[in-house]
Protein backbone atom coordinates (compact mmCIF):
# COMPACT_ATOMS: atom_id res chain seq x y z
CA MET A 1 -17.40 -7.19 -18.84
CA ASN A 2 -16.09 -3.75 -17.87
CA LEU A 3 -15.82 -1.16 -20.63
CA PHE A 4 -13.19 0.83 -18.72
CA PRO A 5 -10.72 -0.36 -16.03
CA SER A 6 -12.31 2.06 -13.54
CA ASP A 7 -15.65 0.28 -13.97
CA VAL A 8 -14.41 -2.17 -11.33
CA ALA A 9 -15.16 0.66 -8.88
CA PHE A 10 -17.46 2.93 -10.89
CA THR A 11 -20.49 0.70 -11.02
CA ASP A 12 -23.82 1.90 -12.45
CA SER A 13 -24.94 2.99 -8.99
CA VAL A 14 -21.67 4.87 -8.40
CA LYS A 15 -21.97 6.62 -11.75
CA ALA A 16 -25.56 7.57 -10.91
CA VAL A 17 -24.37 9.24 -7.70
CA GLN A 18 -21.55 10.98 -9.60
CA LEU A 19 -24.15 12.30 -12.04
CA ARG A 20 -26.36 13.64 -9.26
CA ARG A 21 -23.39 15.17 -7.43
CA GLY A 22 -21.86 16.79 -10.51
CA SER A 23 -18.64 14.80 -10.97
CA ARG A 24 -19.67 12.36 -13.72
CA THR A 25 -18.43 14.62 -16.54
CA GLN A 26 -14.99 14.82 -14.93
CA TYR A 27 -14.68 11.05 -14.59
CA ALA A 28 -16.13 10.41 -18.05
CA ARG A 29 -13.26 12.47 -19.48
CA MET A 30 -10.84 10.41 -17.40
CA GLU A 31 -12.33 7.19 -18.80
CA GLN A 32 -11.99 8.40 -22.38
CA GLY A 33 -8.44 9.60 -21.74
CA ALA A 34 -5.57 7.79 -20.06
CA GLY A 35 -7.86 6.17 -17.51
CA TRP A 36 -6.75 3.91 -14.68
CA GLN A 37 -3.72 1.66 -14.94
CA THR A 38 -4.00 -2.12 -15.25
CA CYS A 39 -0.32 -3.12 -15.12
CA VAL A 40 2.68 -2.39 -12.92
CA THR A 41 4.47 0.77 -14.05
CA SER A 42 7.94 1.96 -13.09
CA GLU A 43 6.32 4.52 -10.79
CA LEU A 44 4.31 1.86 -8.97
CA ARG A 45 7.35 -0.39 -8.70
CA GLU A 46 9.38 2.43 -7.09
CA PHE A 47 6.53 3.15 -4.69
CA LEU A 48 6.38 -0.50 -3.63
CA GLU A 49 10.13 -0.67 -3.03
CA GLU A 50 9.80 1.94 -0.25
CA LEU A 51 6.54 0.65 1.24
CA ASP A 52 6.69 -1.12 4.62
CA MET A 53 2.93 -1.48 5.24
CA PHE A 54 -0.41 -1.64 3.47
CA TYR A 55 -4.04 -2.55 4.08
CA LEU A 56 -5.66 -5.61 2.51
CA GLY A 57 -9.41 -5.70 2.05
CA THR A 58 -11.42 -8.87 1.47
CA SER A 59 -15.06 -9.85 1.79
CA SER A 60 -17.02 -12.93 2.73
CA LEU A 61 -19.34 -14.56 0.22
CA ASN A 62 -22.31 -12.63 1.61
CA GLY A 63 -20.49 -9.30 1.34
CA GLN A 64 -19.21 -8.75 4.88
CA PRO A 65 -16.00 -6.67 4.42
CA TYR A 66 -12.78 -7.10 6.37
CA ILE A 67 -9.61 -4.99 6.35
CA GLN A 68 -6.27 -6.22 7.62
CA TYR A 69 -3.03 -4.32 8.24
CA ARG A 70 0.07 -5.90 6.74
CA GLY A 71 3.60 -4.80 7.67
CA GLY A 72 7.15 -5.88 6.92
CA SER A 73 10.48 -4.62 5.67
CA PRO A 74 10.42 -1.92 2.95
CA GLY A 75 9.57 -3.56 -0.36
CA PHE A 76 7.99 -6.70 1.13
CA LEU A 77 5.03 -6.31 -1.24
CA LYS A 78 6.82 -7.45 -4.37
CA VAL A 79 6.19 -7.35 -8.11
CA VAL A 80 5.83 -10.92 -9.40
CA ASP A 81 5.01 -9.94 -12.98
CA GLU A 82 3.44 -6.97 -14.78
CA THR A 83 -0.05 -7.73 -13.44
CA THR A 84 0.70 -9.59 -10.20
CA LEU A 85 1.92 -8.57 -6.75
CA GLY A 86 2.84 -10.98 -3.98
CA PHE A 87 3.83 -11.05 -0.35
CA ALA A 88 4.85 -13.56 2.29
CA ASP A 89 2.05 -14.19 4.78
CA PHE A 90 3.38 -14.28 8.33
CA ALA A 91 2.06 -16.20 11.32
CA GLY A 92 -0.47 -14.08 13.24
CA ASN A 93 -3.34 -14.39 15.68
CA ARG A 94 -4.76 -17.38 13.78
CA GLN A 95 -8.22 -15.95 13.24
CA PHE A 96 -7.77 -16.65 9.49
CA ILE A 97 -10.52 -14.21 8.44
CA THR A 98 -8.65 -13.11 5.31
CA LEU A 99 -7.83 -16.70 4.34
CA GLY A 100 -11.41 -17.80 4.93
CA ASN A 101 -12.77 -14.95 2.84
CA LEU A 102 -10.41 -15.73 -0.04
CA THR A 103 -11.45 -19.38 -0.14
CA GLU A 104 -14.99 -18.32 -1.07
CA ASN A 105 -14.54 -14.86 -2.61
CA PRO A 106 -11.33 -13.93 -4.46
CA GLN A 107 -12.24 -10.26 -4.83
CA ALA A 108 -9.68 -8.17 -2.94
CA PHE A 109 -8.44 -4.62 -2.53
CA LEU A 110 -5.06 -3.11 -1.62
CA PHE A 111 -4.76 0.32 -0.04
CA LEU A 112 -1.17 1.58 -0.13
CA ILE A 113 -0.21 4.73 1.73
CA ASP A 114 2.97 6.71 2.31
CA TYR A 115 2.24 8.96 5.28
CA ILE A 116 5.48 10.94 4.95
CA GLN A 117 5.08 11.96 1.30
CA ARG A 118 1.26 11.92 1.60
CA ARG A 119 0.76 9.52 -1.31
CA ARG A 120 -1.78 6.73 -1.63
CA VAL A 121 -2.54 4.13 -4.27
CA LYS A 122 -5.70 2.03 -4.55
CA LEU A 123 -5.65 -1.35 -6.30
CA TRP A 124 -8.63 -3.51 -7.20
CA GLY A 125 -8.21 -7.16 -8.14
CA THR A 126 -8.35 -10.73 -6.96
CA ALA A 127 -6.15 -12.62 -4.53
CA ARG A 128 -5.28 -16.26 -3.99
CA ILE A 129 -3.41 -18.28 -1.37
CA VAL A 130 -0.29 -20.27 -2.34
CA GLU A 131 1.05 -22.81 0.15
CA ASP A 132 2.86 -25.40 -1.96
CA ASP A 133 5.40 -23.38 -3.94
CA PRO A 134 8.80 -23.29 -2.17
CA ASP A 135 10.40 -21.24 -4.97
CA LEU A 136 7.74 -18.55 -4.69
CA LEU A 137 8.02 -18.45 -0.90
CA ALA A 138 11.79 -18.11 -1.17
CA ARG A 139 11.36 -15.25 -3.64
CA LEU A 140 8.94 -13.39 -1.35
CA ARG A 141 10.63 -14.13 1.97
CA ASP A 142 12.78 -11.50 3.68
CA VAL A 143 15.44 -13.29 5.71
CA ALA A 144 16.12 -10.11 7.68
CA TYR A 145 12.54 -9.81 8.95
CA PRO A 146 11.92 -11.83 12.16
CA ALA A 147 8.60 -13.47 11.32
CA ARG A 148 7.61 -17.01 10.38
CA VAL A 149 6.33 -17.31 6.82
CA GLU A 150 3.36 -19.66 6.49
CA ARG A 151 2.24 -19.06 2.91
CA ALA A 152 2.21 -16.59 0.02
CA ILE A 153 -0.65 -14.44 -1.18
CA LEU A 154 -0.72 -13.36 -4.82
CA PHE A 155 -2.75 -10.34 -5.91
CA SER A 156 -3.82 -10.07 -9.57
CA ILE A 157 -4.37 -6.46 -10.60
CA THR A 158 -7.61 -5.47 -12.31
CA ALA A 159 -7.09 -1.71 -12.05
CA TRP A 160 -5.29 0.83 -9.91
CA ASP A 161 -5.37 4.55 -9.34
CA VAL A 162 -3.34 7.19 -7.51
CA ASN A 163 -5.48 9.06 -4.99
CA CYS A 164 -5.04 12.71 -4.09
CA SER A 165 -3.06 13.71 -0.98
CA GLN A 166 -5.92 15.65 0.58
CA HIS A 167 -6.58 14.92 4.27
CA ILE A 168 -3.58 12.60 4.70
CA HIS A 169 -1.90 13.44 8.01
CA PRO A 170 1.92 13.10 7.77
CA ARG A 171 3.35 10.47 10.13
CA LEU A 172 6.98 9.55 10.67
CA PRO A 173 8.15 5.92 10.89
CA GLN A 174 9.96 4.75 14.00
CA ALA A 175 13.39 4.68 12.34
CA ASP A 176 13.14 8.34 11.33
CA LEU A 177 11.94 9.37 14.79
CA LEU A 178 14.79 7.52 16.49
CA THR A 179 17.30 9.25 14.21
CA GLN A 180 15.86 12.65 15.05
CA PHE A 181 15.81 11.87 18.78
CA GLN A 182 19.45 10.80 18.63
CA GLN A 183 20.41 14.00 16.82
CA LEU A 184 18.60 16.10 19.43
CA ARG A 185 20.25 14.15 22.27
CA GLU A 186 23.72 14.69 20.79
CA GLU A 187 22.95 18.36 20.22
CA ASN A 188 21.80 18.85 23.82
CA GLU A 189 25.01 17.28 25.10
CA MET A 190 27.16 19.82 23.24
CA PRO A 191 28.70 22.77 25.11
CA LYS A 192 26.47 25.83 24.75
CA THR A 193 28.82 27.74 22.42
CA GLU A 194 29.22 24.75 20.12
CA ARG A 195 25.48 24.10 20.20
CA ASP A 196 24.74 27.72 19.25
CA ARG A 197 27.12 27.48 16.27
CA PHE A 198 25.58 24.17 15.20
CA GLN A 199 22.01 25.53 15.37
CA ALA A 200 22.97 28.69 13.50
CA LYS A 201 24.60 26.61 10.73
CA ARG A 202 21.52 24.39 10.50
CA ARG A 203 19.19 27.41 10.22
CA SER A 204 21.33 28.95 7.48
CA SER A 205 21.08 25.77 5.43
CA LEU A 206 17.26 25.75 5.48
C-alpha cells in the first residue's frame, strides 16, 4: 500500500535515483506537504472542459508499454465522479492494442497537454472497458462529433500532478489558425490606406 499518492510513480528505485541526483529532499517535502491530488478539483475540471486531445498509456501483462492518441470535441474527456473520468471510445483501425492490454492489465496513464497555454497534467490510475451501459454511453457521447462510438472507457484516478511548462513548444489548433488566416486575408484585401489605419490601430492596442 502506498504511503503517499505520489508513490504510484515514486517507487523505491525512483526515490533511490532522486537521492543520488539530489532531488529527494525536494520531493520528500512535497510528500509531507500538500502532495499530489487524488480527486477531481475545480481546476482539473476546467482544464478538461477545454481539452480536445490527450494521450492514453497502457501496458501488456509482461510490461510492454503502448501509448495512444485520443482526440474529440473540447471536453470529450468527462468527469464521471470525483475520482473517475470517462470518454467515448470511437471506431478506429481495429488493432485493439489498448483494449487487449486493459483486459489483462488495468494499470493506465493519462497525459493531458495544452500546447497553447503550455500546461500539462499527468494522471496515474486504472482503466476499464464498458460496453453494456447505454446510459453511460449517452452521457459520454458527443452528438456533434462525427465518429461512431463503440464503447466507453472509464479511468479511476489514483493520483495526479501538474507538470511544469518547461520545454513545451506552443502549438495552435486548426480552428485558431483558420481564424488568423481569415483575418489576414481580409486585411490584405483592404485598400492600402484602410489597411494602414487598421494595422496602426492594432499595434496601438498591443
